[in-house]
Amino acid sequence: MVPFKVDLSNEVIAITGAGGVLMSAFAKALAECGAKIGVIDLNADACEAVAKEIVAAGGEAVAAPANCLDKAQIAGAKRVIEAKFGKVTQIINGAGGNSPKCTTDNETATEATAEAKSFFDLDEMGFKFVFDLNILSAVLTTQVFAKDMAEAGRGNIINISSMNAFRPLTKIPAYSAAKAGVSNFTQWLAVHFAKSGIRANAIAPGFFSTKQNAKLLFNEDGTPSARTAKILAHTPMGRFGETSDLIGTLLWLADSKSSGFVTGIVVPVDGGFSAYSGV
């Protein structure tokens, strides 16, 4: 259930990474408000499942599987969505993630041991993969879909940044730097397309428990890790975010009547993490 409804019945929204936990929830919430959803994900089965859930709930959606690092595949997804609903009017660049190849075992260099993976052991191709997955995917998807928006003089881009963009977290240098790049790219897009009728903003989630970060947040026996204790100690609200905590911000940014003069911002949804100095 959405916290409030906006009228998105004239919107065709393409969402990348829509097979995942957060983006599938975004897709369902936007569909509940009347938007027609293009479900894009590398996982074709996940695409189909999300699209079927939306349709079963009375919404409109079409599965458009694609690798968002392949411009030709993104263009193919665009054709699928257009054949069903017409031109896309909004895009949500939700594809992203980290790689274990770019995660150190320890928080600082002084903690390093011969057995632990240090900064000096991080894989070059792992860095490239993380940057491509988070930044290049957003660039390519925007290139494919925003051209029609510019020609129409109307459009909306919502990128998914992270708390890592504000303050880099220990152990995950590639992901932190990549999300900082997403925030910066969002601002660039906002300026570049401001007179073309296209808005560009980003949502920066704080700490949410997902499949991607489960190994960092919980021990093998399911108990909270030491990292979880640190996160919650630095989150004034004292809890992880729930997917539902993001929906209100999403609907506000997706509705031009509510946020029509808002562009170039990165909205933290973090329980106060970015405001807390630690003391």
C-alpha atoms as a PDB file:
ATOM      1  CA  MET A   1       0.000   0.000   0.000  1.00  0.00           C
ATOM      2  CA  VAL A   2       1.294   3.451  -0.905  1.00  0.00           C
ATOM      3  CA  PRO A   3       1.272   6.131   1.833  1.00  0.00           C
ATOM      4  CA  PHE A   4      -0.596   8.507  -0.468  1.00  0.00           C
ATOM      5  CA  LYS A   5      -1.591   8.492  -4.110  1.00  0.00           C
ATOM      6  CA  VAL A   6      -0.573  10.794  -6.928  1.00  0.00           C
ATOM      7  CA  ASP A   7      -1.982  10.648 -10.434  1.00  0.00           C
ATOM      8  CA  LEU A   8       0.604   9.011 -12.691  1.00  0.00           C
ATOM      9  CA  SER A   9      -1.865   7.707 -15.259  1.00  0.00           C
ATOM     10  CA  ASN A  10      -0.146   9.651 -18.050  1.00  0.00           C
ATOM     11  CA  GLU A  11       3.296   8.279 -17.199  1.00  0.00           C
ATOM     12  CA  VAL A  12       5.213   5.409 -18.776  1.00  0.00           C
ATOM     13  CA  ILE A  13       8.077   4.590 -16.430  1.00  0.00           C
ATOM     14  CA  ALA A  14      11.068   2.379 -17.235  1.00  0.00           C
ATOM     15  CA  ILE A  15      12.825   0.992 -14.168  1.00  0.00           C
ATOM     16  CA  THR A  16      16.204  -0.741 -14.313  1.00  0.00           C
ATOM     17  CA  GLY A  17      17.136  -3.244 -11.641  1.00  0.00           C
ATOM     18  CA  ALA A  18      13.406  -3.780 -11.230  1.00  0.00           C
ATOM     19  CA  GLY A  19      13.811  -7.455 -10.388  1.00  0.00           C
ATOM     20  CA  GLY A  20      15.422  -6.558  -7.058  1.00  0.00           C
ATOM     21  CA  VAL A  21      13.825  -5.913  -3.679  1.00  0.00           C
ATOM     22  CA  LEU A  22      13.816  -2.101  -3.683  1.00  0.00           C
ATOM     23  CA  MET A  23      13.135  -1.451  -7.357  1.00  0.00           C
ATOM     24  CA  SER A  24      10.357  -4.031  -7.571  1.00  0.00           C
ATOM     25  CA  ALA A  25       8.679  -2.240  -4.676  1.00  0.00           C
ATOM     26  CA  PHE A  26       9.123   1.038  -6.566  1.00  0.00           C
ATOM     27  CA  ALA A  27       7.537  -0.520  -9.651  1.00  0.00           C
ATOM     28  CA  LYS A  28       4.514  -1.757  -7.698  1.00  0.00           C
ATOM     29  CA  ALA A  29       3.999   1.571  -5.913  1.00  0.00           C
ATOM     30  CA  LEU A  30       4.158   3.577  -9.142  1.00  0.00           C
ATOM     31  CA  ALA A  31       1.793   1.140 -10.849  1.00  0.00           C
ATOM     32  CA  GLU A  32      -0.634   1.529  -7.945  1.00  0.00           C
ATOM     33  CA  CYS A  33      -0.689   5.239  -8.773  1.00  0.00           C
ATOM     34  CA  GLY A  34      -1.607   4.528 -12.391  1.00  0.00           C
ATOM     35  CA  ALA A  35       1.786   4.509 -14.120  1.00  0.00           C
ATOM     36  CA  LYS A  36       2.518   2.007 -16.853  1.00  0.00           C
ATOM     37  CA  ILE A  37       5.728   0.188 -15.902  1.00  0.00           C
ATOM     38  CA  GLY A  38       8.538  -1.178 -18.034  1.00  0.00           C
ATOM     39  CA  VAL A  39      10.279  -3.744 -15.846  1.00  0.00           C
ATOM     40  CA  ILE A  40      13.950  -3.962 -16.835  1.00  0.00           C
ATOM     41  CA  ASP A  41      16.410  -6.373 -15.238  1.00  0.00           C
ATOM     42  CA  LEU A  42      19.204  -8.700 -16.291  1.00  0.00           C
ATOM     43  CA  ASN A  43      17.236 -11.569 -14.726  1.00  0.00           C
ATOM     44  CA  ALA A  44      14.450 -12.374 -17.189  1.00  0.00           C
ATOM     45  CA  ASP A  45      12.567 -14.558 -14.699  1.00  0.00           C
ATOM     46  CA  ALA A  46      12.577 -11.748 -12.110  1.00  0.00           C
ATOM     47  CA  CYS A  47      11.300  -9.321 -14.769  1.00  0.00           C
ATOM     48  CA  GLU A  48       8.407 -11.597 -15.635  1.00  0.00           C
ATOM     49  CA  ALA A  49       7.549 -12.230 -11.997  1.00  0.00           C
ATOM     50  CA  VAL A  50       7.392  -8.530 -11.095  1.00  0.00           C
ATOM     51  CA  ALA A  51       5.372  -7.638 -14.197  1.00  0.00           C
ATOM     52  CA  LYS A  52       2.901 -10.460 -13.461  1.00  0.00           C
ATOM     53  CA  GLU A  53       2.505  -9.309  -9.847  1.00  0.00           C
ATOM     54  CA  ILE A  54       1.683  -5.789 -11.004  1.00  0.00           C
ATOM     55  CA  VAL A  55      -0.850  -6.984 -13.567  1.00  0.00           C
ATOM     56  CA  ALA A  56      -2.432  -9.380 -11.061  1.00  0.00           C
ATOM     57  CA  ALA A  57      -2.906  -6.420  -8.704  1.00  0.00           C
ATOM     58  CA  GLY A  58      -4.735  -4.475 -11.420  1.00  0.00           C
ATOM     59  CA  GLY A  59      -1.803  -2.440 -12.725  1.00  0.00           C
ATOM     60  CA  GLU A  60      -0.103  -2.248 -16.104  1.00  0.00           C
ATOM     61  CA  ALA A  61       3.400  -3.564 -16.686  1.00  0.00           C
ATOM     62  CA  VAL A  62       5.542  -5.307 -19.246  1.00  0.00           C
ATOM     63  CA  ALA A  63       8.722  -7.319 -18.723  1.00  0.00           C
ATOM     64  CA  ALA A  64      11.671  -6.061 -20.766  1.00  0.00           C
ATOM     65  CA  PRO A  65      14.783  -8.039 -19.768  1.00  0.00           C
ATOM     66  CA  ALA A  66      18.092  -6.391 -20.640  1.00  0.00           C
ATOM     67  CA  ASN A  67      21.705  -6.083 -19.595  1.00  0.00           C
ATOM     68  CA  CYS A  68      22.008  -2.392 -18.720  1.00  0.00           C
ATOM     69  CA  LEU A  69      25.681  -2.430 -19.679  1.00  0.00           C
ATOM     70  CA  ASP A  70      24.719  -3.248 -23.269  1.00  0.00           C
ATOM     71  CA  LYS A  71      23.233  -0.293 -25.128  1.00  0.00           C
ATOM     72  CA  ALA A  72      21.728  -2.506 -27.829  1.00  0.00           C
ATOM     73  CA  GLN A  73      19.882  -4.552 -25.214  1.00  0.00           C
ATOM     74  CA  ILE A  74      18.579  -1.394 -23.534  1.00  0.00           C
ATOM     75  CA  ALA A  75      17.324  -0.216 -26.907  1.00  0.00           C
ATOM     76  CA  GLY A  76      15.605  -3.582 -27.291  1.00  0.00           C
ATOM     77  CA  ALA A  77      13.898  -3.127 -23.926  1.00  0.00           C
ATOM     78  CA  LYS A  78      12.788   0.328 -25.055  1.00  0.00           C
ATOM     79  CA  ARG A  79      11.118  -1.166 -28.129  1.00  0.00           C
ATOM     80  CA  VAL A  80       9.283  -3.711 -25.982  1.00  0.00           C
ATOM     81  CA  ILE A  81       7.960  -1.019 -23.653  1.00  0.00           C
ATOM     82  CA  GLU A  82       6.982   1.317 -26.503  1.00  0.00           C
ATOM     83  CA  ALA A  83       5.136  -1.445 -28.319  1.00  0.00           C
ATOM     84  CA  LYS A  84       3.000  -1.965 -25.222  1.00  0.00           C
ATOM     85  CA  PHE A  85       2.587   1.552 -23.815  1.00  0.00           C
ATOM     86  CA  GLY A  86       4.111   4.161 -26.134  1.00  0.00           C
ATOM     87  CA  LYS A  87       6.993   6.521 -25.376  1.00  0.00           C
ATOM     88  CA  VAL A  88       8.658   6.365 -21.971  1.00  0.00           C
ATOM     89  CA  THR A  89       8.215   9.571 -19.966  1.00  0.00           C
ATOM     90  CA  GLN A  90      10.268   8.705 -16.868  1.00  0.00           C
ATOM     91  CA  ILE A  91      13.233   6.501 -16.072  1.00  0.00           C
ATOM     92  CA  ILE A  92      14.475   5.199 -12.751  1.00  0.00           C
ATOM     93  CA  ASN A  93      18.094   4.096 -12.876  1.00  0.00           C
ATOM     94  CA  GLY A  94      18.002   1.475 -10.163  1.00  0.00           C
ATOM     95  CA  ALA A  95      20.540  -1.014 -11.493  1.00  0.00           C
ATOM     96  CA  GLY A  96      23.600  -1.113  -9.283  1.00  0.00           C
ATOM     97  CA  GLY A  97      25.502  -2.985  -6.626  1.00  0.00           C
ATOM     98  CA  ASN A  98      28.883  -3.934  -5.219  1.00  0.00           C
ATOM     99  CA  SER A  99      31.317  -6.810  -5.788  1.00  0.00           C
ATOM    100  CA  PRO A 100      33.143  -8.954  -3.213  1.00  0.00           C
ATOM    101  CA  LYS A 101      36.235  -8.448  -5.353  1.00  0.00           C
ATOM    102  CA  CYS A 102      36.229  -4.796  -4.221  1.00  0.00           C
ATOM    103  CA  THR A 103      35.596  -5.343  -0.530  1.00  0.00           C
ATOM    104  CA  THR A 104      38.424  -5.337   1.989  1.00  0.00           C
ATOM    105  CA  ASP A 105      38.338  -7.664   4.994  1.00  0.00           C
ATOM    106  CA  ASN A 106      39.377  -4.937   7.416  1.00  0.00           C
ATOM    107  CA  GLU A 107      38.357  -1.332   7.962  1.00  0.00           C
ATOM    108  CA  THR A 108      41.879   0.098   8.185  1.00  0.00           C
ATOM    109  CA  ALA A 109      45.308  -0.723   6.797  1.00  0.00           C
ATOM    110  CA  THR A 110      46.738  -1.214  10.276  1.00  0.00           C
ATOM    111  CA  GLU A 111      44.348  -4.111  10.872  1.00  0.00           C
ATOM    112  CA  ALA A 112      45.576  -6.000   7.816  1.00  0.00           C
ATOM    113  CA  THR A 113      47.001  -9.489   8.196  1.00  0.00           C
ATOM    114  CA  ALA A 114      48.661 -11.837   5.739  1.00  0.00           C
ATOM    115  CA  GLU A 115      45.434 -13.824   5.445  1.00  0.00           C
ATOM    116  CA  ALA A 116      43.100 -10.843   5.081  1.00  0.00           C
ATOM    117  CA  LYS A 117      42.214  -9.168   1.783  1.00  0.00           C
ATOM    118  CA  SER A 118      43.656  -5.655   1.935  1.00  0.00           C
ATOM    119  CA  PHE A 119      43.223  -2.600  -0.259  1.00  0.00           C
ATOM    120  CA  PHE A 120      46.317  -3.709  -2.188  1.00  0.00           C
ATOM    121  CA  ASP A 121      44.645  -7.005  -3.053  1.00  0.00           C
ATOM    122  CA  LEU A 122      41.490  -5.527  -4.570  1.00  0.00           C
ATOM    123  CA  ASP A 123      40.792  -6.608  -8.113  1.00  0.00           C
ATOM    124  CA  GLU A 124      41.132  -4.064 -10.931  1.00  0.00           C
ATOM    125  CA  MET A 125      38.363  -5.633 -12.988  1.00  0.00           C
ATOM    126  CA  GLY A 126      36.168  -5.696  -9.900  1.00  0.00           C
ATOM    127  CA  PHE A 127      36.518  -1.928  -9.647  1.00  0.00           C
ATOM    128  CA  LYS A 128      35.635  -1.565 -13.306  1.00  0.00           C
ATOM    129  CA  PHE A 129      32.595  -3.797 -12.874  1.00  0.00           C
ATOM    130  CA  VAL A 130      31.268  -1.781  -9.913  1.00  0.00           C
ATOM    131  CA  PHE A 131      31.771   1.544 -11.686  1.00  0.00           C
ATOM    132  CA  ASP A 132      30.122   0.224 -14.836  1.00  0.00           C
ATOM    133  CA  LEU A 133      27.199  -1.310 -12.958  1.00  0.00           C
ATOM    134  CA  ASN A 134      26.398   1.876 -11.052  1.00  0.00           C
ATOM    135  CA  ILE A 135      27.455   4.737 -13.339  1.00  0.00           C
ATOM    136  CA  LEU A 136      27.767   3.446 -16.874  1.00  0.00           C
ATOM    137  CA  SER A 137      24.413   1.672 -16.657  1.00  0.00           C
ATOM    138  CA  ALA A 138      22.775   4.981 -15.704  1.00  0.00           C
ATOM    139  CA  VAL A 139      24.573   6.775 -18.541  1.00  0.00           C
ATOM    140  CA  LEU A 140      23.573   4.235 -21.192  1.00  0.00           C
ATOM    141  CA  THR A 141      19.971   3.932 -20.002  1.00  0.00           C
ATOM    142  CA  THR A 142      19.588   7.704 -19.947  1.00  0.00           C
ATOM    143  CA  GLN A 143      21.067   7.996 -23.436  1.00  0.00           C
ATOM    144  CA  VAL A 144      18.576   5.484 -24.789  1.00  0.00           C
ATOM    145  CA  PHE A 145      15.427   6.810 -23.105  1.00  0.00           C
ATOM    146  CA  ALA A 146      16.012  10.535 -22.558  1.00  0.00           C
ATOM    147  CA  LYS A 147      16.362  11.400 -26.241  1.00  0.00           C
ATOM    148  CA  ASP A 148      12.617  10.998 -26.753  1.00  0.00           C
ATOM    149  CA  MET A 149      11.975  12.991 -23.590  1.00  0.00           C
ATOM    150  CA  ALA A 150      14.110  15.872 -24.837  1.00  0.00           C
ATOM    151  CA  GLU A 151      12.284  15.861 -28.154  1.00  0.00           C
ATOM    152  CA  ALA A 152       8.941  15.873 -26.340  1.00  0.00           C
ATOM    153  CA  GLY A 153      10.043  18.624 -23.957  1.00  0.00           C
ATOM    154  CA  ARG A 154       8.956  16.569 -20.970  1.00  0.00           C
ATOM    155  CA  GLY A 155      10.576  13.916 -18.812  1.00  0.00           C
ATOM    156  CA  ASN A 156      11.864  12.826 -15.438  1.00  0.00           C
ATOM    157  CA  ILE A 157      14.972  10.936 -14.338  1.00  0.00           C
ATOM    158  CA  ILE A 158      15.349   9.447 -10.877  1.00  0.00           C
ATOM    159  CA  ASN A 159      18.707   7.928 -10.020  1.00  0.00           C
ATOM    160  CA  ILE A 160      19.498   5.756  -7.007  1.00  0.00           C
ATOM    161  CA  SER A 161      22.461   7.031  -5.043  1.00  0.00           C
ATOM    162  CA  SER A 162      23.432   6.017  -1.504  1.00  0.00           C
ATOM    163  CA  MET A 163      24.657   7.212   1.875  1.00  0.00           C
ATOM    164  CA  ASN A 164      28.050   6.077   0.597  1.00  0.00           C
ATOM    165  CA  ALA A 165      27.991   9.078  -1.717  1.00  0.00           C
ATOM    166  CA  PHE A 166      27.925  11.437   1.275  1.00  0.00           C
ATOM    167  CA  ARG A 167      30.372   9.552   3.481  1.00  0.00           C
ATOM    168  CA  PRO A 168      32.396   6.647   2.077  1.00  0.00           C
ATOM    169  CA  LEU A 169      31.985   3.517   4.137  1.00  0.00           C
ATOM    170  CA  THR A 170      34.917   1.392   5.205  1.00  0.00           C
ATOM    171  CA  LYS A 171      35.626  -1.819   3.271  1.00  0.00           C
ATOM    172  CA  ILE A 172      33.753  -0.840   0.068  1.00  0.00           C
ATOM    173  CA  PRO A 173      35.783   1.848  -1.752  1.00  0.00           C
ATOM    174  CA  ALA A 174      34.540   1.073  -5.260  1.00  0.00           C
ATOM    175  CA  TYR A 175      30.850   1.181  -4.345  1.00  0.00           C
ATOM    176  CA  SER A 176      31.277   4.384  -2.325  1.00  0.00           C
ATOM    177  CA  ALA A 177      33.110   6.139  -5.158  1.00  0.00           C
ATOM    178  CA  ALA A 178      30.628   4.858  -7.746  1.00  0.00           C
ATOM    179  CA  LYS A 179      27.621   6.162  -5.818  1.00  0.00           C
ATOM    180  CA  ALA A 180      29.340   9.528  -5.398  1.00  0.00           C
ATOM    181  CA  GLY A 181      29.606   9.476  -9.166  1.00  0.00           C
ATOM    182  CA  VAL A 182      25.886   8.777  -9.470  1.00  0.00           C
ATOM    183  CA  SER A 183      25.093  11.825  -7.333  1.00  0.00           C
ATOM    184  CA  ASN A 184      27.423  13.999  -9.390  1.00  0.00           C
ATOM    185  CA  PHE A 185      25.991  12.653 -12.651  1.00  0.00           C
ATOM    186  CA  THR A 186      22.499  13.454 -11.387  1.00  0.00           C
ATOM    187  CA  GLN A 187      23.450  17.088 -10.886  1.00  0.00           C
ATOM    188  CA  TRP A 188      25.065  17.206 -14.317  1.00  0.00           C
ATOM    189  CA  LEU A 189      21.929  15.816 -15.946  1.00  0.00           C
ATOM    190  CA  ALA A 190      19.756  18.333 -14.113  1.00  0.00           C
ATOM    191  CA  VAL A 191      21.690  21.254 -15.559  1.00  0.00           C
ATOM    192  CA  HIS A 192      22.112  19.745 -19.007  1.00  0.00           C
ATOM    193  CA  PHE A 193      18.399  19.029 -19.459  1.00  0.00           C
ATOM    194  CA  ALA A 194      16.874  21.862 -17.410  1.00  0.00           C
ATOM    195  CA  LYS A 195      15.681  23.784 -20.484  1.00  0.00           C
ATOM    196  CA  SER A 196      14.601  20.590 -22.241  1.00  0.00           C
ATOM    197  CA  GLY A 197      11.781  20.003 -19.771  1.00  0.00           C
ATOM    198  CA  ILE A 198      13.532  17.087 -18.068  1.00  0.00           C
ATOM    199  CA  ARG A 199      14.111  16.954 -14.326  1.00  0.00           C
ATOM    200  CA  ALA A 200      16.840  14.786 -12.756  1.00  0.00           C
ATOM    201  CA  ASN A 201      17.054  13.928  -9.075  1.00  0.00           C
ATOM    202  CA  ALA A 202      18.333  11.079  -6.928  1.00  0.00           C
ATOM    203  CA  ILE A 203      17.259   9.191  -3.851  1.00  0.00           C
ATOM    204  CA  ALA A 204      20.025   8.218  -1.424  1.00  0.00           C
ATOM    205  CA  PRO A 205      18.850   5.378   0.808  1.00  0.00           C
ATOM    206  CA  GLY A 206      20.518   4.929   4.155  1.00  0.00           C
ATOM    207  CA  PHE A 207      20.907   1.431   5.515  1.00  0.00           C
ATOM    208  CA  PHE A 208      18.436  -1.154   4.298  1.00  0.00           C
ATOM    209  CA  SER A 209      18.868  -4.871   4.796  1.00  0.00           C
ATOM    210  CA  THR A 210      18.913  -6.566   1.383  1.00  0.00           C
ATOM    211  CA  LYS A 211      20.279  -9.747  -0.167  1.00  0.00           C
ATOM    212  CA  GLN A 212      23.270  -7.800  -1.482  1.00  0.00           C
ATOM    213  CA  ASN A 213      24.518  -6.625   1.894  1.00  0.00           C
ATOM    214  CA  ALA A 214      23.323  -9.519   4.087  1.00  0.00           C
ATOM    215  CA  LYS A 215      26.829 -10.935   4.560  1.00  0.00           C
ATOM    216  CA  LEU A 216      28.105  -7.572   5.798  1.00  0.00           C
ATOM    217  CA  LEU A 217      25.233  -7.003   8.193  1.00  0.00           C
ATOM    218  CA  PHE A 218      24.640 -10.467   9.646  1.00  0.00           C
ATOM    219  CA  ASN A 219      26.789 -13.381  10.777  1.00  0.00           C
ATOM    220  CA  GLU A 220      26.304 -16.857   9.343  1.00  0.00           C
ATOM    221  CA  ASP A 221      24.097 -17.772  12.300  1.00  0.00           C
ATOM    222  CA  GLY A 222      21.816 -14.805  11.576  1.00  0.00           C
ATOM    223  CA  THR A 223      22.953 -12.633  14.475  1.00  0.00           C
ATOM    224  CA  PRO A 224      23.798  -8.967  13.811  1.00  0.00           C
ATOM    225  CA  SER A 225      27.414  -8.353  12.877  1.00  0.00           C
ATOM    226  CA  ALA A 226      29.718  -5.842  14.549  1.00  0.00           C
ATOM    227  CA  ARG A 227      29.204  -3.670  11.463  1.00  0.00           C
ATOM    228  CA  THR A 228      25.454  -3.664  12.065  1.00  0.00           C
ATOM    229  CA  ALA A 229      26.028  -2.467  15.621  1.00  0.00           C
ATOM    230  CA  LYS A 230      28.112   0.444  14.305  1.00  0.00           C
ATOM    231  CA  ILE A 231      25.512   1.354  11.689  1.00  0.00           C
ATOM    232  CA  LEU A 232      22.639   1.424  14.139  1.00  0.00           C
ATOM    233  CA  ALA A 233      24.714   3.347  16.682  1.00  0.00           C
ATOM    234  CA  HIS A 234      25.228   6.063  14.047  1.00  0.00           C
ATOM    235  CA  THR A 235      21.604   6.076  12.859  1.00  0.00           C
ATOM    236  CA  PRO A 236      19.643   8.322  15.235  1.00  0.00           C
ATOM    237  CA  MET A 237      16.408   6.453  14.555  1.00  0.00           C
ATOM    238  CA  GLY A 238      18.164   3.255  15.642  1.00  0.00           C
ATOM    239  CA  ARG A 239      16.918   0.892  12.941  1.00  0.00           C
ATOM    240  CA  PHE A 240      17.390  -0.205   9.363  1.00  0.00           C
ATOM    241  CA  GLY A 241      15.133   1.372   6.790  1.00  0.00           C
ATOM    242  CA  GLU A 242      12.122  -0.464   5.427  1.00  0.00           C
ATOM    243  CA  THR A 243      11.323  -0.442   1.726  1.00  0.00           C
ATOM    244  CA  SER A 244       8.130   1.448   2.537  1.00  0.00           C
ATOM    245  CA  ASP A 245      10.223   4.303   3.953  1.00  0.00           C
ATOM    246  CA  LEU A 246      11.340   5.186   0.425  1.00  0.00           C
ATOM    247  CA  ILE A 247       7.976   5.236  -1.311  1.00  0.00           C
ATOM    248  CA  GLY A 248       6.822   8.695  -0.216  1.00  0.00           C
ATOM    249  CA  THR A 249       9.999  10.317  -1.550  1.00  0.00           C
ATOM    250  CA  LEU A 250       9.669   8.330  -4.775  1.00  0.00           C
ATOM    251  CA  LEU A 251       6.084   9.448  -5.377  1.00  0.00           C
ATOM    252  CA  TRP A 252       6.956  13.070  -4.616  1.00  0.00           C
ATOM    253  CA  LEU A 253       9.770  13.073  -7.179  1.00  0.00           C
ATOM    254  CA  ALA A 254       7.715  11.155  -9.755  1.00  0.00           C
ATOM    255  CA  ASP A 255       4.786  13.593  -9.592  1.00  0.00           C
ATOM    256  CA  SER A 256       5.502  16.753 -11.572  1.00  0.00           C
ATOM    257  CA  LYS A 257       2.659  18.569  -9.828  1.00  0.00           C
ATOM    258  CA  SER A 258       4.383  18.036  -6.486  1.00  0.00           C
ATOM    259  CA  SER A 259       8.035  18.481  -7.461  1.00  0.00           C
ATOM    260  CA  GLY A 260       7.927  20.239 -10.821  1.00  0.00           C
ATOM    261  CA  PHE A 261      10.494  22.852  -9.773  1.00  0.00           C
ATOM    262  CA  VAL A 262      12.775  20.325  -8.088  1.00  0.00           C
ATOM    263  CA  THR A 263      15.827  19.210 -10.026  1.00  0.00           C
ATOM    264  CA  GLY A 264      19.451  18.416  -9.268  1.00  0.00           C
ATOM    265  CA  ILE A 265      19.003  17.242  -5.683  1.00  0.00           C
ATOM    266  CA  VAL A 266      19.980  14.058  -3.859  1.00  0.00           C
ATOM    267  CA  VAL A 267      17.453  13.217  -1.137  1.00  0.00           C
ATOM    268  CA  PRO A 268      18.774  11.245   1.857  1.00  0.00           C
ATOM    269  CA  VAL A 269      16.310   8.748   3.306  1.00  0.00           C
ATOM    270  CA  ASP A 270      18.521   7.567   6.103  1.00  0.00           C
ATOM    271  CA  GLY A 271      17.011   7.835   9.558  1.00  0.00           C
ATOM    272  CA  GLY A 272      19.308  10.745  10.340  1.00  0.00           C
ATOM    273  CA  PHE A 273      22.599   8.992   9.530  1.00  0.00           C
ATOM    274  CA  SER A 274      23.938  11.862   7.418  1.00  0.00           C
ATOM    275  CA  ALA A 275      23.141  14.394  10.126  1.00  0.00           C
ATOM    276  CA  TYR A 276      24.854  12.591  13.008  1.00  0.00           C
ATOM    277  CA  SER A 277      28.461  13.455  13.878  1.00  0.00           C
ATOM    278  CA  GLY A 278      28.921  10.463  16.122  1.00  0.00           C
ATOM    279  CA  VAL A 279      28.852  12.435  19.384  1.00  0.00           C
END
